Protein backbone atom coordinates (compact mmCIF):
# COMPACT_ATOMS: atom_id res chain seq x y z
CA MET A 1 10.41 19.06 -16.65
CA VAL A 2 10.49 16.14 -19.12
CA HIS A 3 8.07 18.07 -21.32
CA THR A 4 10.46 21.06 -21.29
CA ILE A 5 13.46 18.94 -22.26
CA ALA A 6 11.46 17.30 -25.05
CA THR A 7 10.38 20.75 -26.27
CA VAL A 8 13.99 21.88 -26.53
CA MET A 9 14.91 18.72 -28.39
CA ALA A 10 11.96 19.12 -30.74
CA THR A 11 12.55 22.81 -31.55
CA GLU A 12 15.25 22.28 -34.17
CA ALA A 13 13.41 19.31 -35.65
CA VAL A 14 10.22 21.36 -35.89
CA ALA A 15 12.01 24.30 -37.48
CA ALA A 16 13.66 22.06 -40.04
CA ALA A 17 10.40 20.27 -40.74
CA GLN A 18 8.55 23.56 -41.20
CA ASP A 19 11.19 24.79 -43.66
CA LYS A 20 10.81 21.62 -45.70
CA ALA A 21 7.03 21.68 -45.31
CA GLU A 22 6.82 24.96 -47.23
CA GLY A 23 7.69 23.17 -50.44
CA MET A 24 6.10 19.84 -49.51
CA PRO A 25 2.66 18.75 -50.73
CA PRO A 26 0.02 18.93 -47.92
CA ILE A 27 -0.73 15.23 -48.34
CA TRP A 28 2.84 14.40 -47.36
CA ILE A 29 2.67 16.58 -44.28
CA ALA A 30 -0.60 14.92 -43.29
CA GLY A 31 1.04 11.51 -43.72
CA ILE A 32 3.94 12.52 -41.45
CA ILE A 33 1.47 13.75 -38.82
CA LEU A 34 -0.41 10.43 -38.91
CA LEU A 35 2.91 8.58 -38.55
CA LEU A 36 3.79 10.69 -35.51
CA LEU A 37 0.35 10.02 -33.97
CA PHE A 38 0.92 6.29 -34.53
CA MET A 39 4.27 6.56 -32.74
CA SER A 40 2.60 8.43 -29.87
CA ALA A 41 -0.01 5.68 -29.62
CA CYS A 42 2.78 3.09 -29.47
CA PHE A 43 4.46 4.97 -26.63
CA SER A 44 1.23 5.29 -24.65
CA GLY A 45 0.18 1.69 -25.19
CA SER A 46 3.62 0.35 -24.34
CA GLU A 47 3.67 2.18 -21.01
CA THR A 48 0.26 0.78 -20.06
CA ALA A 49 1.11 -2.74 -21.23
CA LEU A 50 4.36 -2.97 -19.28
CA THR A 51 2.65 -1.55 -16.18
CA ALA A 52 -0.34 -3.90 -16.32
CA VAL A 53 1.33 -7.13 -17.46
CA SER A 54 1.82 -9.95 -14.97
CA ARG A 55 5.50 -10.41 -14.16
CA ALA A 56 4.74 -14.01 -13.25
CA LYS A 57 3.55 -14.70 -16.82
CA LEU A 58 6.57 -12.91 -18.25
CA ARG A 59 8.87 -14.95 -16.02
CA ARG A 60 7.21 -18.18 -17.15
CA LEU A 61 7.64 -17.24 -20.82
CA ALA A 62 11.23 -16.15 -20.22
CA ASP A 63 12.01 -19.50 -18.58
CA GLN A 64 10.66 -21.16 -21.72
CA GLY A 65 13.18 -19.22 -23.82
CA ASN A 66 11.08 -16.27 -24.97
CA ALA A 67 13.59 -13.45 -25.56
CA SER A 68 10.90 -10.74 -25.73
CA ALA A 69 9.59 -11.72 -22.31
CA GLN A 70 13.10 -11.44 -20.85
CA ARG A 71 13.49 -7.99 -22.43
CA ALA A 72 10.16 -6.91 -20.91
CA ILE A 73 11.30 -8.11 -17.48
CA ASP A 74 14.58 -6.22 -17.83
CA LEU A 75 12.68 -3.07 -18.78
CA THR A 76 10.28 -3.24 -15.83
CA ASP A 77 13.16 -3.90 -13.42
CA ASP A 78 14.28 -0.31 -14.01
CA GLY A 79 10.91 1.41 -14.16
CA GLU A 80 12.42 4.87 -13.58
CA THR A 81 14.52 4.77 -16.76
CA LEU A 82 11.72 3.12 -18.76
CA ILE A 83 9.11 5.73 -17.86
CA GLY A 84 11.61 8.51 -18.46
CA ALA A 85 12.43 7.22 -21.94
CA ILE A 86 8.74 6.86 -22.84
CA LEU A 87 7.97 10.37 -21.59
CA VAL A 88 10.79 11.87 -23.64
CA GLY A 89 9.79 9.98 -26.79
CA ASN A 90 6.07 10.62 -26.37
CA ASN A 91 6.47 14.35 -25.76
CA LEU A 92 8.88 14.63 -28.67
CA VAL A 93 6.49 13.12 -31.25
CA ASN A 94 3.42 14.90 -29.84
CA ILE A 95 5.08 18.32 -30.01
CA LEU A 96 6.42 17.64 -33.50
CA ALA A 97 3.00 16.46 -34.69
CA ALA A 98 1.27 19.51 -33.23
CA SER A 99 3.79 21.87 -34.83
CA LEU A 100 3.45 20.28 -38.26
CA ALA A 101 -0.33 20.26 -37.95
CA THR A 102 -0.27 23.98 -37.17
CA SER A 103 1.92 24.67 -40.21
CA LEU A 104 -0.37 22.59 -42.42
CA ALA A 105 -3.50 24.32 -41.13
CA ILE A 106 -2.00 27.77 -41.70
CA MET A 107 -1.11 26.77 -45.26
CA LEU A 108 -4.70 25.65 -45.90
CA PHE A 109 -6.79 28.07 -43.84
CA GLY A 110 -4.60 31.06 -43.12
CA GLU A 111 -4.44 32.60 -39.63
CA SER A 112 -7.53 30.69 -38.44
CA GLY A 113 -5.57 27.50 -38.99
CA VAL A 114 -3.98 27.77 -35.53
CA ALA A 115 -7.33 27.28 -33.77
CA ILE A 116 -8.38 24.54 -36.19
CA ALA A 117 -5.10 22.66 -35.73
CA THR A 118 -5.37 22.92 -31.93
CA LEU A 119 -8.92 21.52 -31.91
CA VAL A 120 -8.25 18.72 -34.39
CA MET A 121 -4.97 17.61 -32.80
CA THR A 122 -6.50 17.62 -29.30
CA VAL A 123 -9.22 15.23 -30.46
CA LEU A 124 -6.84 13.02 -32.42
CA VAL A 125 -4.25 12.79 -29.64
CA MET A 126 -6.84 12.13 -26.94
CA ILE A 127 -8.67 9.38 -28.85
CA PHE A 128 -6.07 7.71 -31.05
CA ALA A 129 -2.84 8.40 -29.14
CA GLU A 130 -4.09 8.00 -25.55
CA VAL A 131 -7.46 6.35 -24.84
CA LEU A 132 -7.55 3.80 -27.68
CA PRO A 133 -3.98 2.41 -27.36
CA LYS A 134 -4.11 2.36 -23.55
CA THR A 135 -7.44 0.52 -23.57
CA TYR A 136 -6.10 -2.05 -26.01
CA ALA A 137 -2.84 -2.44 -24.08
CA PHE A 138 -4.65 -2.89 -20.77
CA THR A 139 -6.86 -5.67 -22.14
CA ASN A 140 -3.99 -7.34 -24.05
CA ALA A 141 -1.11 -6.52 -21.74
CA GLU A 142 0.89 -9.71 -22.30
CA SER A 143 0.96 -9.67 -26.11
CA ALA A 144 1.40 -5.88 -26.27
CA SER A 145 4.33 -5.92 -23.87
CA LEU A 146 6.07 -8.67 -25.87
CA VAL A 147 5.70 -6.69 -29.09
CA ALA A 148 6.88 -3.45 -27.48
CA ALA A 149 9.86 -4.96 -25.65
CA ARG A 150 12.43 -4.83 -28.48
CA PRO A 151 11.81 -1.25 -29.74
CA LEU A 152 11.56 0.05 -26.17
CA SER A 153 14.89 -1.58 -25.30
CA ILE A 154 16.48 0.39 -28.13
CA LEU A 155 14.71 3.59 -27.05
CA VAL A 156 15.90 3.20 -23.45
CA LYS A 157 19.51 2.80 -24.55
CA VAL A 158 19.35 5.78 -26.92
CA SER A 159 17.57 8.12 -24.51
CA TYR A 160 19.41 7.04 -21.36
CA PRO A 161 21.72 10.12 -21.28
CA VAL A 162 18.67 12.39 -21.69
CA VAL A 163 16.81 10.66 -18.85
CA ILE A 164 19.82 10.99 -16.54
CA ALA A 165 20.12 14.65 -17.49
CA VAL A 166 16.42 15.22 -16.74
CA GLN A 167 16.78 13.62 -13.32
CA TRP A 168 19.80 15.80 -12.54
CA VAL A 169 18.03 18.98 -13.69
CA VAL A 170 14.96 18.13 -11.57
CA ARG A 171 17.02 17.53 -8.43
CA ALA A 172 19.17 20.63 -9.02
CA THR A 173 16.15 22.85 -9.63
CA LEU A 174 14.36 21.63 -6.52
CA GLY A 175 17.58 22.08 -4.57
CA ILE A 176 17.58 25.78 -5.45
CA PHE A 177 14.27 26.09 -3.59
CA GLY A 178 15.53 24.11 -0.61
CA VAL A 179 13.86 20.80 -1.53
CA ARG A 180 16.20 17.87 -1.03
CA LEU A 181 15.22 14.52 -2.52
CA GLU A 182 16.45 11.49 -0.63
CA LYS A 183 18.61 8.99 -2.42
CA GLY A 184 16.43 6.53 -4.30
CA THR A 185 13.46 8.90 -4.56
CA ARG A 186 11.63 8.42 -7.84
CA VAL A 187 11.60 11.49 -10.09
CA LEU A 188 9.90 10.31 -13.27
CA SER A 189 7.62 7.51 -12.09
CA ARG A 190 5.27 6.70 -9.27
CA ASP A 191 5.85 4.08 -6.63
CA ALA A 192 4.57 0.68 -7.76
CA HIS A 193 2.42 0.35 -4.65
CA ASP A 194 0.73 3.68 -5.39
CA GLU A 195 0.00 2.59 -8.96
CA ILE A 196 -1.50 -0.70 -7.81
CA ARG A 197 -3.55 1.00 -5.09
CA GLY A 198 -4.84 3.53 -7.62
CA ALA A 199 -5.88 0.74 -9.98
CA ILE A 200 -7.67 -1.12 -7.18
CA ASP A 201 -9.55 1.99 -6.04
CA LEU A 202 -10.50 2.80 -9.63
CA HIS A 203 -11.91 -0.67 -10.31
CA HIS A 204 -13.74 -0.63 -6.99
CA SER A 205 -15.37 2.71 -7.76
CA GLU A 206 -16.43 1.34 -11.16
CA GLY A 207 -17.88 -1.82 -9.60
CA GLY A 208 -15.25 -4.20 -10.96
CA VAL A 209 -13.82 -5.07 -7.52
CA VAL A 210 -16.11 -5.74 -4.55
CA LYS A 211 -15.37 -4.12 -1.20
CA SER A 212 -14.13 -7.29 0.51
CA ASP A 213 -11.62 -7.97 -2.28
CA ARG A 214 -10.50 -4.34 -2.28
CA ASP A 215 -9.94 -4.46 1.50
CA ARG A 216 -7.81 -7.59 1.22
CA LEU A 217 -5.72 -6.24 -1.65
CA VAL A 218 -5.20 -2.84 -0.04
CA GLY A 219 -4.51 -4.51 3.31
CA ALA A 220 -1.66 -6.50 1.78
CA LEU A 221 -0.19 -3.33 0.25
CA ASP A 222 -0.45 -1.46 3.56
CA LEU A 223 1.72 -3.92 5.48
CA ALA A 224 4.87 -2.04 4.47
CA HIS A 225 3.44 1.25 5.77
CA ARG A 226 1.96 0.16 9.08
CA GLU A 227 3.82 -0.59 12.32
CA VAL A 228 3.23 -3.33 14.87
CA SER A 229 2.22 -0.70 17.43
CA GLU A 230 -0.91 -0.04 15.35
CA VAL A 231 -2.29 -3.58 15.48
CA MET A 232 -0.72 -5.11 18.62
CA MET A 233 -2.72 -6.12 21.67
CA HIS A 234 -2.05 -3.43 24.28
CA ARG A 235 -0.28 -4.55 27.44
CA ARG A 236 -3.39 -3.63 29.43
CA ASN A 237 -5.27 -6.49 27.73
CA ILE A 238 -2.50 -9.11 27.84
CA VAL A 239 -3.10 -12.19 29.98
CA THR A 240 0.09 -12.94 31.92
CA LEU A 241 0.95 -15.31 34.77
CA ASP A 242 3.31 -15.06 37.72
CA VAL A 243 5.87 -17.81 37.34
CA GLU A 244 6.17 -18.03 41.14
CA GLU A 245 2.59 -19.27 41.52
CA SER A 246 1.99 -22.92 42.32
CA PRO A 247 2.15 -25.35 39.39
CA ALA A 248 -1.52 -26.28 39.94
CA ALA A 249 -2.59 -22.61 39.72
CA LEU A 250 -0.53 -22.06 36.58
CA VAL A 251 -1.89 -25.13 34.83
CA GLU A 252 -5.46 -24.20 35.77
CA ALA A 253 -4.97 -20.64 34.44
CA VAL A 254 -3.56 -21.93 31.15
CA VAL A 255 -6.45 -24.36 30.71
CA GLU A 256 -9.09 -21.69 31.42
CA SER A 257 -7.46 -19.06 29.18
CA PRO A 258 -8.79 -18.64 25.61
CA TYR A 259 -5.17 -18.20 24.44
CA THR A 260 -2.66 -20.95 23.70
CA ARG A 261 0.46 -18.85 24.40
CA ILE A 262 0.75 -16.95 27.68
CA PRO A 263 3.68 -14.81 28.91
CA LEU A 264 5.20 -15.62 32.30
CA TRP A 265 6.68 -12.90 34.54
CA ARG A 266 8.80 -12.81 37.66
CA ASN A 267 8.85 -10.08 40.36
CA ASP A 268 7.37 -7.46 37.99
CA PRO A 269 4.53 -7.94 35.45
CA GLU A 270 6.70 -6.27 32.81
CA ASN A 271 9.65 -8.59 33.49
CA ILE A 272 8.63 -11.33 31.05
CA VAL A 273 10.84 -14.38 31.49
CA GLY A 274 9.16 -16.87 29.17
CA ILE A 275 6.20 -17.89 27.03
CA ILE A 276 4.24 -21.00 27.96
CA HIS A 277 2.35 -22.91 25.27
CA ALA A 278 -0.69 -24.96 26.26
CA LYS A 279 0.35 -27.71 23.88
CA ASP A 280 3.74 -28.02 25.62
CA ILE A 281 1.97 -28.59 28.93
CA LEU A 282 -0.24 -31.21 27.31
CA ARG A 283 2.77 -33.02 25.85
CA ALA A 284 4.59 -32.94 29.22
CA PHE A 285 1.51 -34.31 30.98
CA ASP A 286 1.18 -37.09 28.42
CA ALA A 287 4.87 -38.04 28.73
CA ARG A 288 4.69 -38.10 32.56
CA ILE A 289 1.50 -40.17 32.55
CA ARG A 290 2.95 -42.69 30.12
CA LYS A 291 6.11 -42.97 32.21
CA ASP A 292 5.03 -42.61 35.84
CA GLY A 293 1.23 -42.75 35.85
CA PRO A 294 -0.88 -39.96 37.43
CA VAL A 295 0.90 -36.58 37.56
CA ASN A 296 1.55 -34.85 40.88
CA LEU A 297 1.20 -31.12 40.14
CA ASP A 298 3.23 -30.18 43.21
CA ASP A 299 6.48 -31.27 41.57
CA PHE A 300 5.49 -30.27 38.02
CA ASP A 301 7.85 -27.47 36.86
CA VAL A 302 5.84 -25.32 34.45
CA SER A 303 8.63 -22.76 33.96
CA SER A 304 10.91 -25.42 32.51
CA LEU A 305 8.53 -25.72 29.57
CA ALA A 306 8.54 -21.99 28.78
CA MET A 307 10.05 -20.70 25.55
CA LYS A 308 12.44 -17.77 25.51
CA PRO A 309 10.47 -14.54 24.90
CA TRP A 310 11.02 -12.70 21.64
CA PHE A 311 10.96 -8.90 21.81
CA VAL A 312 10.49 -6.64 18.78
CA PRO A 313 10.51 -2.82 18.49
CA ASP A 314 7.13 -1.10 18.23
CA THR A 315 8.31 0.68 15.08
CA THR A 316 8.78 -2.55 13.11
CA THR A 317 6.64 -2.57 9.96
CA LEU A 318 4.05 -5.30 9.58
CA SER A 319 5.74 -6.41 6.38
CA ASP A 320 9.08 -6.92 8.15
CA GLN A 321 7.40 -8.58 11.12
CA LEU A 322 5.54 -10.99 8.86
CA LYS A 323 8.83 -11.97 7.21
CA ALA A 324 10.40 -12.41 10.66
CA PHE A 325 7.54 -14.65 11.81
CA LEU A 326 7.92 -16.83 8.72
CA SER A 327 11.71 -17.06 8.92
CA ARG A 328 11.75 -17.82 12.66
CA LYS A 329 8.71 -20.10 12.44
CA ARG A 330 7.21 -18.24 15.39
CA HIS A 331 3.69 -16.85 15.79
CA PHE A 332 4.10 -14.67 18.86
CA ALA A 333 6.28 -11.69 19.83
CA LEU A 334 6.30 -9.10 22.61
CA VAL A 335 6.45 -5.44 21.60
CA VAL A 336 8.68 -2.94 23.41
CA ASP A 337 9.31 0.78 22.93
CA GLU A 338 12.65 2.55 22.50
CA TYR A 339 13.25 2.37 26.27
CA GLY A 340 12.63 -1.37 26.40
CA ALA A 341 9.28 -1.00 28.20
CA LEU A 342 6.63 -3.56 27.35
CA GLN A 343 3.93 -2.11 25.10
CA GLY A 344 1.96 -5.14 24.00
CA LEU A 345 2.15 -8.30 21.92
CA ILE A 346 1.81 -9.08 18.24
CA THR A 347 0.87 -12.40 16.66
CA LEU A 348 0.90 -13.78 13.15
CA GLU A 349 -2.89 -13.79 13.26
CA ASP A 350 -2.94 -10.05 13.97
CA ILE A 351 -1.03 -9.39 10.77
CA LEU A 352 -3.10 -11.78 8.67
CA GLU A 353 -6.26 -10.08 9.94
CA GLU A 354 -4.99 -6.84 8.41
CA ILE A 355 -5.34 -8.58 5.05
CA VAL A 356 -8.31 -10.95 5.33
CA GLY A 357 -10.27 -9.29 8.13
CA ASP A 358 -11.24 -10.69 11.51
CA ILE A 359 -10.32 -14.35 12.06
CA SER A 360 -12.39 -16.04 14.76
CA ASP A 361 -12.57 -19.58 16.06
CA GLU A 362 -14.70 -21.41 18.61
CA HIS A 363 -12.44 -20.29 21.49
CA ASP A 364 -12.22 -16.60 20.62
CA VAL A 365 -13.78 -14.08 22.94
CA ASP A 366 -16.28 -11.77 21.27
CA ALA A 367 -14.42 -8.46 21.30
CA ASP A 368 -15.70 -6.59 18.25
CA GLY A 369 -16.71 -3.72 20.50
CA VAL A 370 -19.29 -2.30 18.06
CA THR A 371 -23.05 -2.28 18.63
CA ARG A 372 -25.61 -0.70 16.31
CA GLU A 373 -28.22 1.38 18.13
CA ALA A 374 -31.88 1.79 17.17
CA ASP A 375 -31.34 5.41 16.07
CA GLY A 376 -28.68 4.38 13.55
CA SER A 377 -25.71 5.38 15.69
CA TYR A 378 -22.97 2.99 16.83
CA LEU A 379 -21.85 2.26 20.38
CA ILE A 380 -18.09 1.67 20.06
CA ASP A 381 -15.47 0.66 22.61
CA GLY A 382 -12.64 3.16 22.82
CA THR A 383 -10.05 0.48 22.06
CA VAL A 384 -11.51 -0.38 18.65
CA THR A 385 -9.04 0.64 15.96
CA ILE A 386 -9.85 3.29 13.38
CA ARG A 387 -8.70 0.94 10.62
CA ASP A 388 -11.25 -1.70 11.67
CA ILE A 389 -14.02 0.90 11.82
CA ASN A 390 -13.15 2.18 8.36
CA ARG A 391 -13.16 -1.34 6.97
CA TYR A 392 -16.44 -2.32 8.65
CA PHE A 393 -18.42 0.76 7.58
CA ASP A 394 -16.35 2.07 4.64
CA TRP A 395 -15.73 5.33 6.52
CA LYS A 396 -12.78 7.63 5.91
CA LEU A 397 -11.68 8.50 9.44
CA PRO A 398 -7.96 9.46 9.45
CA ASP A 399 -5.56 7.13 11.25
CA ASP A 400 -2.34 9.11 10.82
CA GLU A 401 -2.27 10.61 14.34
CA ALA A 402 -4.15 7.94 16.32
CA THR A 403 -4.73 4.20 16.20
CA THR A 404 -7.99 3.83 18.16
CA VAL A 405 -11.29 5.68 18.06
CA ALA A 406 -10.66 7.05 21.57
CA GLY A 407 -7.22 8.23 20.49
CA LEU A 408 -8.74 10.05 17.52
CA VAL A 409 -11.18 11.93 19.77
CA ILE A 410 -8.41 12.90 22.20
CA HIS A 411 -6.21 14.08 19.33
CA GLU A 412 -8.96 16.20 17.79
CA ALA A 413 -10.15 17.58 21.14
CA GLN A 414 -6.58 18.20 22.34
CA ALA A 415 -7.78 17.08 25.78
CA ILE A 416 -9.27 14.07 27.56
CA PRO A 417 -13.04 14.62 27.29
CA PHE A 418 -15.54 14.03 30.09
CA GLU A 419 -18.62 11.85 29.94
CA GLY A 420 -21.47 13.56 28.14
CA GLN A 421 -19.28 15.75 25.94
CA SER A 422 -19.86 15.67 22.17
CA PHE A 423 -17.55 16.52 19.29
CA VAL A 424 -18.15 16.87 15.58
CA PHE A 425 -15.31 16.32 13.16
CA HIS A 426 -14.61 14.44 9.92
CA ASP A 427 -18.36 14.56 9.21
CA HIS A 428 -19.18 12.41 12.29
CA ARG A 429 -20.43 13.17 15.78
CA PHE A 430 -18.71 11.52 18.73
CA ASP A 431 -20.50 11.37 22.12
CA ILE A 432 -18.44 10.34 25.14
CA VAL A 433 -20.50 7.64 26.88
CA ARG A 434 -18.08 6.26 29.44
CA ARG A 435 -14.68 7.24 30.82
CA ASN A 436 -12.50 5.34 33.29
CA LYS A 437 -9.89 7.57 34.90
CA HIS A 438 -7.98 9.03 31.94
CA GLN A 439 -9.25 6.51 29.40
CA ILE A 440 -12.27 6.83 27.11
CA THR A 441 -13.83 3.39 27.26
CA GLN A 442 -16.99 3.86 25.19
CA LEU A 443 -18.33 6.31 22.60
CA ARG A 444 -21.45 6.74 20.54
CA VAL A 445 -20.71 7.65 16.93
CA HIS A 446 -23.22 9.11 14.51
CA ALA A 447 -22.17 8.29 10.97
CA ARG A 448 -23.31 11.61 9.52
CA ARG A 449 -23.22 15.11 10.88
CA PRO A 450 -26.71 16.09 11.90
CA SER A 451 -28.14 19.01 9.98
C-alpha cells in the first residue's frame, strides 16, 4: 500500500524528469540516478540504525546534552510514523531512479534498454542501496543513528500527512473485505518484540548466539505472551495443611516439607485461609525460647503466624505477575479460575525459571520427569510442560492448545488414550506407558518418526 502511494506521488515527478531528460546530457541523468541511489541507501541505513541502536546509550548521550541523541529517541518513540516516513521516501527515490535509468537506457540502447536498465538497477539497488548501508548501519548503529536523526526528523514532519493517509487507506481497504483492525494495531511496522525475536533467531541460526543465551532472551520476551496457568504448580501437586491439626503435627509437617511456604486450609482443601512460612515459625520459636524457655507445642498457635493468601486469576500474564510480585514484595500467589476455584500456585521462582531455566537448590526434589532410554527414546512424565521439553531438546512441539506433554497427546488424539496406544504427530511418536484413571502419567517419546 505504501509502495502504491509512493508510485502515485512519483508519477508526475518521473514524467517531468523524463521530459527534461530528453534534452539533458546522459552524464547528468546518470549523476541524478546515483544521487537517488545514495538517498535510498541513506533511508535503508537509517531504518536499520534506529532499529538496532541501544536506547540506553542514546538516553545517556541525551542526558549529557547531545541534541541528536534526543532526536533519535523521539523518532523511535513513534516507530509507526518513522517507518512509514522511511517507506514513503525510500519507495519514492527508488521508483524515480528506476524510471530515469529506463529512460537513459532507452536513449543509449533503444528498445533493449528496458531489460538492461532492469538488470543494472536491480544489482545496484540490492548491493549499494540495501545490503551495504544496512550492514554498515548495523555495525555502527550509534553513530549512524546520530547522523540520521536530524534529516529524518524533517522527513517525518514533511511526510506525516502522507503516512496518516496511508494508514487510513489501509484500514478502509481492509474494512471493505470485513477485516477490522483493533485500535493501536500497527499498520506500517512490526511489533518490537517480533523484531527482537527475529534478530535473536537469526543470530542463533548463524552461530552468533548460543542456545542457552537464545533461550534466556526469548524467555524474557515470552513473559508478556504466557499466562500463569501455563507455568503454575497444579493444585494436585500442592502441599497443603489442615489448620485444625495439632500444633505439633503442623510444625512437624512444615519442617519435613521441602517448601518454605505452605498453604493452610479449613474445612475444605480448597478453602485456603492462610500461608505459613517456615521462617516465621522459626522466629516465633526463637522469641518464645528467649522469653519463656522451652516451647510447649500444645499452646503454640501456628495459624496466628499465617499470612493472608493472595489469589490471582489464571489468565494473568507472566509479565504482569512478575511486576506484581516485585511491587508487593511477595514471592507466592495462589491461582484461581474465573469461578474462583483453586487451580494451583505460582511463585517468583517459576517465572524466573522461564527465563534462566531450571533453578535447583539442595532442598529441591528431583522432578525433571525425563529419562533417556537405551534406544534413544525418552521416558517423560505426563506433567512435564511442552515448553520445558522444547527447551531441553530444541524440539518444536506446539504449545498453543496444551501446556503439558500429556495434554498435547490428548488434544491431538481427541480422546484419552489407553496404555499401549501409540500416536505419531509433529514428527514424533508418542507411546502411552502409564495411565491413572483419566490422567496420562507417563509416555515414551521417540524424537524422530520411524521410517
